[in-house]
Amino acid sequence: MSPRLVTTVFGPTYAADVACTPRFWPSFSNWRDQEIIEVRPRFFLKALRDGLVMQLASLSS
């Protein structure tokens, strides 16, 4: 989506997001950490499996 279209669709919400989001480089001073992170075991195990497959594929070549 173009910025013009997103501005039309989301208006002030998008403008506020643009105002506090760095354009090119991340701003680590804006980091907000969560004390508790909820993880669904099925998705976590799938990510581990996918990572293992990629690791094994890179080792075999």
Protein backbone atom coordinates (compact mmCIF):
# COMPACT_ATOMS: atom_id res chain seq x y z
CA MET A 1 0.00 0.00 0.00
CA SER A 2 1.21 3.47 -0.73
CA PRO A 3 1.62 5.94 2.15
CA ARG A 4 -1.08 8.15 0.65
CA LEU A 5 -3.61 5.31 0.61
CA VAL A 6 -2.69 4.17 4.13
CA THR A 7 -3.06 7.75 5.38
CA THR A 8 -6.50 7.94 3.78
CA VAL A 9 -7.62 4.62 5.25
CA PHE A 10 -6.16 4.90 8.76
CA GLY A 11 -5.86 8.68 9.18
CA PRO A 12 -4.58 9.90 12.56
CA THR A 13 -3.66 6.41 13.77
CA TYR A 14 -1.19 5.99 10.90
CA ALA A 15 0.13 9.54 11.33
CA ALA A 16 0.84 8.88 15.02
CA ASP A 17 2.64 5.64 14.14
CA VAL A 18 4.77 7.38 11.50
CA ALA A 19 5.68 10.13 13.99
CA CYS A 20 7.16 7.69 16.53
CA THR A 21 8.66 5.09 14.15
CA PRO A 22 12.21 5.62 12.83
CA ARG A 23 12.35 5.64 9.04
CA PHE A 24 15.61 3.78 8.36
CA TRP A 25 17.37 2.61 11.54
CA PRO A 26 15.79 1.10 14.64
CA SER A 27 15.71 3.17 17.80
CA PHE A 28 16.53 0.82 20.65
CA SER A 29 15.63 3.48 23.20
CA ASN A 30 11.98 2.93 22.20
CA TRP A 31 12.16 -0.75 23.19
CA ARG A 32 9.45 -1.89 25.61
CA ASP A 33 9.98 -5.32 27.09
CA GLN A 34 7.21 -7.67 28.22
CA GLU A 35 7.53 -9.31 31.62
CA ILE A 36 5.56 -12.37 30.46
CA ILE A 37 5.48 -13.69 26.90
CA GLU A 38 2.76 -16.13 25.89
CA VAL A 39 3.82 -18.78 23.40
CA ARG A 40 1.66 -21.38 21.72
CA PRO A 41 3.56 -24.68 21.92
CA ARG A 42 2.40 -25.82 18.49
CA PHE A 43 3.84 -22.72 16.77
CA PHE A 44 7.02 -22.80 18.85
CA LEU A 45 7.67 -26.45 18.00
CA LYS A 46 6.95 -25.77 14.32
CA ALA A 47 9.50 -22.93 14.32
CA LEU A 48 12.08 -25.18 15.97
CA ARG A 49 11.42 -27.93 13.44
CA ASP A 50 11.71 -25.52 10.51
CA GLY A 51 14.97 -24.14 11.90
CA LEU A 52 16.36 -27.64 12.33
CA VAL A 53 15.44 -28.55 8.75
CA MET A 54 17.20 -25.43 7.45
CA GLN A 55 20.27 -26.15 9.58
CA LEU A 56 20.45 -29.73 8.37
CA ALA A 57 20.01 -28.60 4.76
CA SER A 58 22.90 -26.13 5.08
CA LEU A 59 25.16 -28.80 6.59
CA SER A 60 24.45 -31.34 3.84
CA SER A 61 25.53 -29.07 0.99
